[in-house]
Amino acid sequence: MSHLVRYSRYLSRFKTPHFPRSQHSTLPFSTTTEDYNKPSRPDPPPIRVALTESAGRGVFSTRKIGAGDLIHTAKPILAHPSLSTINTVCYFCLKKLTSTEFHGKGVAFCSQECKENAKVFYEVETKADWLAFDDYCRENRNEMQYLSSKDLTCRAFVFVLYSYSLILSSCSNKGLKYPLLVKRLACMVISGAASAESLDILQPSNLSHEMVLEMEEGYGLLKSGFAMANISDEQMAFLTKEWYNSILARIRINAFRIELAVGSYEDLLSSAAACIEAEAAVGNAVYMLPSLYNHDCDPNAHIVWIDNADAQLKALCDVEEDEELRICYIDASMDHDARQSFLLQGFGFKCNCLRCLSGD
């Protein structure tokens, strides 16, 4: 079996479900299907982003796409390693480290190129002491595990562990997600490498009053970290409580969990068991185009990571021209009632895809 990284998607309960598309309005988007292993002229863009009748934006094919074909690739807007893997993966691209890593201050990079690319946030980040902020992130993480069932063996065993991990995570954590990604974006804004409005195009989740109150501690720790590093008020003018909450709301609904590669049977069991300890992911990342994919319990596309945070969207079956491309946000091997329950409780919508409507 190919050593592909299985995907999971973290969305708030207000993620919009899949609805039939409308072709009245199309948003331009440039992409490529060029295979990194076969340098050549890229094919014409195989996708378009269009507005649907009821579900906002969706991603549609512009030509026939064959099963297994690479639809497009996507580099992350933001990526950050999990605190548990921060010493074992590249601090920039999340690739697993070897003995030839390039060290920074307490972290490492897989190449000199990644070390150079990281300057957009790393030089600002290393000016501050983030011990208190990191402790806050550890105490408040809620990394629910959503395993992809595609091409997995021992599916029933994995599902048991998957369900158990969900129970553990829902009972033991407050649910504050991804403040490390907010910190990374803030560093990029301060360095001048990114705009404070970089994520405005992405759909935000709705935050309850209780969640907003819980976020205040993280915001205070982030701002005080920069202040103690002598970052000027002018440089931090964007860093308001409203900005912090807005960015977290968008990251919550659009972040992908980048999981460890699964190869042999033993690796599968080890990876599944690690999910219970929330150690299976190498990190989290936010992308622009993949965030626009709607859900379907019988998806025609999926996302994989080969060896770093660069995502690959691939077709699971033959896709016709103008057909909407959809991914599955949960374990597609669950039965109808379980899927409906998970989607309603975890994502806030009743799925009306063809599979669910048929009762399968």
Protein backbone atom coordinates (compact mmCIF):
# COMPACT_ATOMS: atom_id res chain seq x y z
CA MET A 1 0.00 0.00 0.00
CA SER A 2 1.30 3.43 -0.84
CA HIS A 3 2.72 5.41 2.04
CA LEU A 4 0.14 8.13 1.90
CA VAL A 5 -0.80 10.32 4.77
CA ARG A 6 -4.46 9.96 5.70
CA TYR A 7 -6.42 13.14 6.05
CA SER A 8 -8.74 14.50 8.67
CA ARG A 9 -10.62 17.75 8.65
CA TYR A 10 -11.54 19.96 11.55
CA LEU A 11 -14.61 22.11 11.04
CA SER A 12 -16.92 23.89 13.39
CA ARG A 13 -20.47 22.67 13.69
CA PHE A 14 -21.57 25.46 11.40
CA LYS A 15 -19.78 24.18 8.28
CA THR A 16 -22.20 24.38 5.34
CA PRO A 17 -23.36 21.01 3.94
CA HIS A 18 -23.33 20.02 0.30
CA PHE A 19 -26.19 21.30 -1.86
CA PRO A 20 -26.77 21.15 -5.62
CA ARG A 21 -24.62 23.59 -7.48
CA SER A 22 -25.63 26.67 -9.40
CA GLN A 23 -23.64 27.80 -12.42
CA HIS A 24 -24.83 31.40 -12.28
CA SER A 25 -21.68 32.75 -10.72
CA THR A 26 -18.10 31.56 -11.00
CA LEU A 27 -15.07 32.75 -9.10
CA PRO A 28 -11.76 32.59 -10.98
CA PHE A 29 -9.04 30.42 -9.50
CA SER A 30 -5.65 29.50 -10.89
CA THR A 31 -4.19 26.07 -10.18
CA THR A 32 -2.12 23.33 -11.77
CA THR A 33 -2.05 19.57 -12.05
CA GLU A 34 1.67 19.36 -12.64
CA ASP A 35 3.23 16.29 -11.07
CA TYR A 36 6.40 17.21 -9.15
CA ASN A 37 8.03 13.95 -10.26
CA LYS A 38 7.37 14.63 -13.95
CA PRO A 39 8.29 18.22 -14.81
CA SER A 40 6.25 19.31 -17.81
CA ARG A 41 3.86 21.94 -18.96
CA PRO A 42 0.80 21.88 -16.67
CA ASP A 43 -2.56 20.86 -18.04
CA PRO A 44 -5.32 23.47 -18.23
CA PRO A 45 -6.79 24.21 -14.80
CA PRO A 46 -9.20 21.33 -14.05
CA ILE A 47 -11.34 23.19 -11.53
CA ARG A 48 -13.38 26.29 -10.95
CA VAL A 49 -14.84 27.80 -7.79
CA ALA A 50 -18.54 28.54 -8.21
CA LEU A 51 -21.37 29.76 -6.03
CA THR A 52 -24.03 27.18 -5.27
CA GLU A 53 -27.70 27.92 -4.74
CA SER A 54 -27.65 27.43 -0.99
CA ALA A 55 -24.21 26.33 0.21
CA GLY A 56 -22.01 29.25 -0.71
CA ARG A 57 -18.93 28.32 -2.66
CA GLY A 58 -18.01 24.94 -4.05
CA VAL A 59 -15.31 23.43 -6.26
CA PHE A 60 -16.25 22.02 -9.69
CA SER A 61 -14.35 20.21 -12.43
CA THR A 62 -13.81 21.95 -15.76
CA ARG A 63 -13.12 18.69 -17.62
CA LYS A 64 -13.27 14.96 -17.08
CA ILE A 65 -10.92 13.73 -14.36
CA GLY A 66 -9.93 10.08 -14.09
CA ALA A 67 -9.97 8.02 -10.91
CA GLY A 68 -6.67 8.44 -9.09
CA ASP A 69 -5.71 11.55 -11.04
CA LEU A 70 -4.09 14.48 -9.28
CA ILE A 71 -6.65 17.29 -9.34
CA HIS A 72 -4.41 19.99 -7.94
CA THR A 73 -1.84 20.68 -5.27
CA ALA A 74 -2.00 23.30 -2.53
CA LYS A 75 0.61 24.90 -0.36
CA PRO A 76 -0.55 26.00 3.08
CA ILE A 77 -1.26 29.60 3.95
CA LEU A 78 -0.28 28.67 7.49
CA ALA A 79 1.20 25.53 8.99
CA HIS A 80 2.47 24.71 12.45
CA PRO A 81 3.74 21.45 13.97
CA SER A 82 1.98 19.90 16.93
CA LEU A 83 3.71 20.67 20.20
CA SER A 84 4.27 16.92 20.64
CA THR A 85 6.15 16.69 17.31
CA ILE A 86 7.93 20.03 17.33
CA ASN A 87 11.34 18.35 17.68
CA THR A 88 10.72 15.61 15.11
CA VAL A 89 9.35 17.50 12.09
CA CYS A 90 10.49 20.50 10.09
CA TYR A 91 9.36 23.71 11.73
CA PHE A 92 8.34 25.11 8.33
CA CYS A 93 7.04 22.34 6.05
CA LEU A 94 6.32 19.64 8.70
CA LYS A 95 8.42 17.02 6.93
CA LYS A 96 9.79 14.31 9.20
CA LEU A 97 13.35 15.13 10.16
CA THR A 98 16.41 13.03 9.36
CA SER A 99 19.95 13.29 10.62
CA THR A 100 20.66 16.15 8.20
CA GLU A 101 18.32 18.74 9.70
CA PHE A 102 19.23 22.43 9.92
CA HIS A 103 18.84 23.68 13.46
CA GLY A 104 17.32 26.91 14.66
CA LYS A 105 16.75 28.03 18.24
CA GLY A 106 15.20 24.96 19.80
CA VAL A 107 13.65 23.74 16.54
CA ALA A 108 14.95 22.23 13.32
CA PHE A 109 14.36 22.46 9.58
CA CYS A 110 14.62 19.77 6.95
CA SER A 111 16.61 21.97 4.55
CA GLN A 112 18.34 25.29 4.23
CA GLU A 113 15.51 26.35 1.93
CA CYS A 114 12.91 25.79 4.65
CA LYS A 115 15.09 27.64 7.14
CA GLU A 116 15.24 30.61 4.77
CA ASN A 117 11.51 30.47 4.03
CA ALA A 118 10.74 30.44 7.75
CA LYS A 119 12.24 33.90 8.17
CA VAL A 120 8.81 35.35 7.37
CA PHE A 121 7.77 34.44 10.92
CA TYR A 122 10.77 32.94 12.71
CA GLU A 123 12.82 36.10 13.25
CA VAL A 124 9.89 37.78 14.97
CA GLU A 125 8.88 34.66 16.88
CA THR A 126 12.32 34.10 18.40
CA LYS A 127 12.34 37.55 19.96
CA ALA A 128 9.73 36.50 22.52
CA ASP A 129 9.40 33.91 25.29
CA TRP A 130 6.42 31.71 24.43
CA LEU A 131 6.58 29.30 27.38
CA ALA A 132 3.33 30.52 28.96
CA PHE A 133 1.54 30.63 25.59
CA ASP A 134 2.66 27.10 24.71
CA ASP A 135 1.50 25.82 28.10
CA TYR A 136 -1.87 27.45 27.48
CA CYS A 137 -2.09 25.67 24.11
CA ARG A 138 -1.29 22.30 25.68
CA GLU A 139 -3.89 22.70 28.39
CA ASN A 140 -6.68 23.78 26.07
CA ARG A 141 -6.22 21.69 22.97
CA ASN A 142 -9.11 19.65 21.60
CA GLU A 143 -7.75 17.61 18.71
CA MET A 144 -10.68 15.42 17.68
CA GLN A 145 -9.61 12.59 15.41
CA TYR A 146 -11.43 12.15 12.08
CA LEU A 147 -9.83 9.22 10.25
CA SER A 148 -10.30 8.57 6.56
CA SER A 149 -11.42 5.01 5.94
CA LYS A 150 -10.39 4.91 2.28
CA ASP A 151 -7.97 2.08 1.47
CA LEU A 152 -7.52 1.16 5.13
CA THR A 153 -7.36 -2.44 6.33
CA CYS A 154 -8.88 -3.62 9.62
CA ARG A 155 -11.52 -0.92 9.23
CA ALA A 156 -13.64 -2.15 12.12
CA PHE A 157 -10.69 -2.07 14.52
CA VAL A 158 -9.74 1.42 13.44
CA PHE A 159 -13.33 2.59 13.84
CA VAL A 160 -13.43 1.35 17.44
CA LEU A 161 -10.29 3.30 18.27
CA TYR A 162 -11.59 6.27 16.28
CA SER A 163 -14.86 6.33 18.26
CA TYR A 164 -13.04 5.97 21.56
CA SER A 165 -10.71 8.83 20.73
CA LEU A 166 -13.71 11.05 20.01
CA ILE A 167 -15.22 10.23 23.39
CA LEU A 168 -11.96 11.00 25.16
CA SER A 169 -11.42 14.26 23.36
CA SER A 170 -14.98 15.48 23.89
CA CYS A 171 -14.79 14.82 27.62
CA SER A 172 -11.32 16.04 28.48
CA ASN A 173 -10.74 19.33 26.64
CA LYS A 174 -12.20 22.81 26.52
CA GLY A 175 -12.22 23.02 22.74
CA LEU A 176 -9.88 25.95 22.08
CA LYS A 177 -8.15 25.15 18.80
CA TYR A 178 -5.22 26.38 16.81
CA PRO A 179 -3.85 29.39 18.73
CA LEU A 180 -0.39 28.36 17.50
CA LEU A 181 -1.52 29.09 13.94
CA VAL A 182 -2.79 32.50 15.05
CA LYS A 183 0.60 33.24 16.61
CA ARG A 184 2.36 32.26 13.41
CA LEU A 185 0.13 34.52 11.31
CA ALA A 186 0.66 37.39 13.76
CA CYS A 187 4.42 36.99 13.41
CA MET A 188 4.08 37.08 9.62
CA VAL A 189 1.99 40.25 9.81
CA ILE A 190 4.50 41.93 12.11
CA SER A 191 7.36 40.98 9.80
CA GLY A 192 5.49 42.46 6.85
CA ALA A 193 5.24 39.11 5.04
CA ALA A 194 1.44 38.83 5.32
CA SER A 195 -1.60 41.03 5.61
CA ALA A 196 -3.75 41.02 8.72
CA GLU A 197 -6.66 40.30 6.34
CA SER A 198 -5.02 37.21 4.80
CA LEU A 199 -7.78 34.84 5.93
CA ASP A 200 -10.77 37.14 5.46
CA ILE A 201 -11.88 35.25 2.34
CA LEU A 202 -12.40 32.07 4.37
CA GLN A 203 -15.71 31.29 6.02
CA PRO A 204 -15.69 31.79 9.82
CA SER A 205 -17.47 29.64 12.35
CA ASN A 206 -19.92 31.08 14.83
CA LEU A 207 -18.39 31.49 18.27
CA SER A 208 -20.51 31.21 21.38
CA HIS A 209 -20.19 33.80 24.12
CA GLU A 210 -18.55 31.18 26.34
CA MET A 211 -15.94 30.40 23.69
CA VAL A 212 -15.13 34.08 23.22
CA LEU A 213 -14.60 34.44 26.95
CA GLU A 214 -12.29 31.40 27.00
CA MET A 215 -10.23 32.91 24.18
CA GLU A 216 -9.38 36.01 26.20
CA GLU A 217 -6.54 34.27 28.04
CA GLY A 218 -4.88 33.20 24.80
CA TYR A 219 -5.21 36.66 23.33
CA GLY A 220 -3.67 38.22 26.44
CA LEU A 221 -0.73 35.81 26.42
CA LEU A 222 -0.10 36.40 22.71
CA LYS A 223 -0.14 40.17 23.01
CA SER A 224 1.97 40.24 26.16
CA GLY A 225 4.52 37.95 24.51
CA PHE A 226 5.02 40.45 21.70
CA ALA A 227 5.02 43.41 24.10
CA MET A 228 7.72 41.86 26.28
CA ALA A 229 9.78 41.32 23.12
CA ASN A 230 9.64 45.08 22.51
CA ILE A 231 7.41 44.83 19.46
CA SER A 232 6.09 48.37 19.02
CA ASP A 233 2.45 49.36 19.45
CA GLU A 234 2.43 50.46 15.83
CA GLN A 235 3.50 47.00 14.66
CA MET A 236 0.84 45.42 16.88
CA ALA A 237 -1.97 47.79 15.90
CA PHE A 238 -3.78 44.98 14.06
CA LEU A 239 -3.62 42.67 17.10
CA THR A 240 -6.97 43.44 18.69
CA LYS A 241 -9.22 41.01 20.53
CA GLU A 242 -11.63 41.17 17.59
CA TRP A 243 -8.87 40.22 15.13
CA TYR A 244 -7.71 37.33 17.31
CA ASN A 245 -11.24 35.93 17.64
CA SER A 246 -11.92 36.40 13.93
CA ILE A 247 -8.78 34.51 12.91
CA LEU A 248 -9.50 31.67 15.32
CA ALA A 249 -13.06 31.45 14.02
CA ARG A 250 -11.76 31.01 10.47
CA ILE A 251 -9.01 28.58 11.42
CA ARG A 252 -11.44 26.40 13.38
CA ILE A 253 -13.56 25.78 10.31
CA ASN A 254 -10.78 25.56 7.74
CA ALA A 255 -7.78 23.87 9.38
CA PHE A 256 -6.67 20.42 8.28
CA ARG A 257 -4.99 17.95 10.59
CA ILE A 258 -1.90 16.54 8.88
CA GLU A 259 -1.46 12.98 10.09
CA LEU A 260 1.41 10.56 10.16
CA ALA A 261 2.07 8.30 7.18
CA VAL A 262 0.57 4.83 7.47
CA GLY A 263 2.37 1.99 5.74
CA SER A 264 2.43 -1.55 7.12
CA TYR A 265 -0.24 -3.31 9.19
CA GLU A 266 1.82 -2.64 12.30
CA ASP A 267 2.09 1.04 11.40
CA LEU A 268 -1.69 1.18 11.04
CA LEU A 269 -2.31 -0.26 14.50
CA SER A 270 0.32 2.03 16.01
CA SER A 271 -1.12 5.08 14.29
CA ALA A 272 -4.68 4.24 15.34
CA ALA A 273 -3.61 3.74 18.94
CA ALA A 274 -1.69 7.00 18.84
CA CYS A 275 -4.88 8.82 17.89
CA ILE A 276 -6.21 8.14 21.37
CA GLU A 277 -3.24 10.03 22.77
CA ALA A 278 -3.67 12.83 20.18
CA GLU A 279 -0.17 12.14 18.88
CA ALA A 280 -0.97 10.97 15.35
CA ALA A 281 -0.74 14.35 13.65
CA VAL A 282 2.48 16.08 12.74
CA GLY A 283 0.68 19.42 12.76
CA ASN A 284 -2.13 21.55 11.39
CA ALA A 285 -2.40 23.69 8.28
CA VAL A 286 -4.78 26.10 6.58
CA TYR A 287 -5.18 26.17 2.80
CA MET A 288 -7.14 28.42 0.52
CA LEU A 289 -8.71 26.17 -2.12
CA PRO A 290 -9.14 22.93 -0.12
CA SER A 291 -11.18 24.92 2.41
CA LEU A 292 -13.85 25.46 -0.25
CA TYR A 293 -14.61 21.77 -0.76
CA ASN A 294 -18.06 20.70 0.47
CA HIS A 295 -18.85 17.44 2.25
CA ASP A 296 -20.30 14.21 0.88
CA CYS A 297 -20.54 10.82 2.56
CA ASP A 298 -19.67 9.24 -0.79
CA PRO A 299 -16.85 11.60 -1.81
CA ASN A 300 -15.31 11.75 -5.25
CA ALA A 301 -12.06 13.35 -4.03
CA HIS A 302 -9.71 13.22 -1.07
CA ILE A 303 -6.65 15.01 0.22
CA VAL A 304 -3.31 13.37 1.00
CA TRP A 305 0.08 14.48 2.26
CA ILE A 306 3.10 12.60 1.00
CA ASP A 307 5.99 13.88 3.10
CA ASN A 308 5.23 17.47 4.11
CA ALA A 309 2.41 20.02 4.42
CA ASP A 310 1.99 20.38 0.65
CA ALA A 311 -1.47 18.93 0.00
CA GLN A 312 -2.54 16.86 -2.97
CA LEU A 313 -6.20 16.61 -3.96
CA LYS A 314 -6.89 13.40 -5.88
CA ALA A 315 -9.96 11.91 -7.52
CA LEU A 316 -11.39 8.79 -5.91
CA CYS A 317 -13.45 7.96 -8.99
CA ASP A 318 -14.07 9.25 -12.49
CA VAL A 319 -15.39 12.81 -12.37
CA GLU A 320 -17.41 14.36 -15.16
CA GLU A 321 -17.05 17.90 -16.46
CA ASP A 322 -18.94 20.42 -14.27
CA GLU A 323 -19.38 17.85 -11.49
CA GLU A 324 -18.82 19.20 -7.98
CA LEU A 325 -15.74 17.84 -6.22
CA ARG A 326 -16.44 16.80 -2.65
CA ILE A 327 -14.47 15.33 0.23
CA CYS A 328 -15.71 13.50 3.33
CA TYR A 329 -15.21 15.25 6.66
CA ILE A 330 -15.61 12.06 8.74
CA ASP A 331 -15.06 8.30 8.53
CA ALA A 332 -17.10 7.29 5.47
CA SER A 333 -17.32 3.64 6.64
CA MET A 334 -19.80 4.50 9.41
CA ASP A 335 -23.44 3.55 8.97
CA HIS A 336 -26.15 6.10 8.18
CA ASP A 337 -27.24 6.88 11.74
CA ALA A 338 -23.68 7.18 13.01
CA ARG A 339 -22.71 9.54 10.18
CA GLN A 340 -25.76 11.72 10.74
CA SER A 341 -25.06 11.86 14.47
CA PHE A 342 -21.39 12.73 14.02
CA LEU A 343 -22.07 15.39 11.40
CA LEU A 344 -24.87 16.99 13.40
CA GLN A 345 -22.97 16.99 16.70
CA GLY A 346 -19.55 17.77 15.29
CA PHE A 347 -20.35 20.01 12.35
CA GLY A 348 -23.83 21.34 12.95
CA PHE A 349 -25.67 20.11 9.86
CA LYS A 350 -27.84 17.25 8.68
CA CYS A 351 -26.24 15.72 5.63
CA ASN A 352 -28.48 15.51 2.56
CA CYS A 353 -26.06 13.85 0.18
CA LEU A 354 -27.41 11.13 -2.12
CA ARG A 355 -25.99 8.37 0.05
CA CYS A 356 -27.72 9.69 3.17
CA LEU A 357 -31.00 10.31 1.34
CA SER A 358 -30.96 6.68 0.18
CA GLY A 359 -30.62 5.50 3.76
CA ASP A 360 -27.28 3.79 3.15
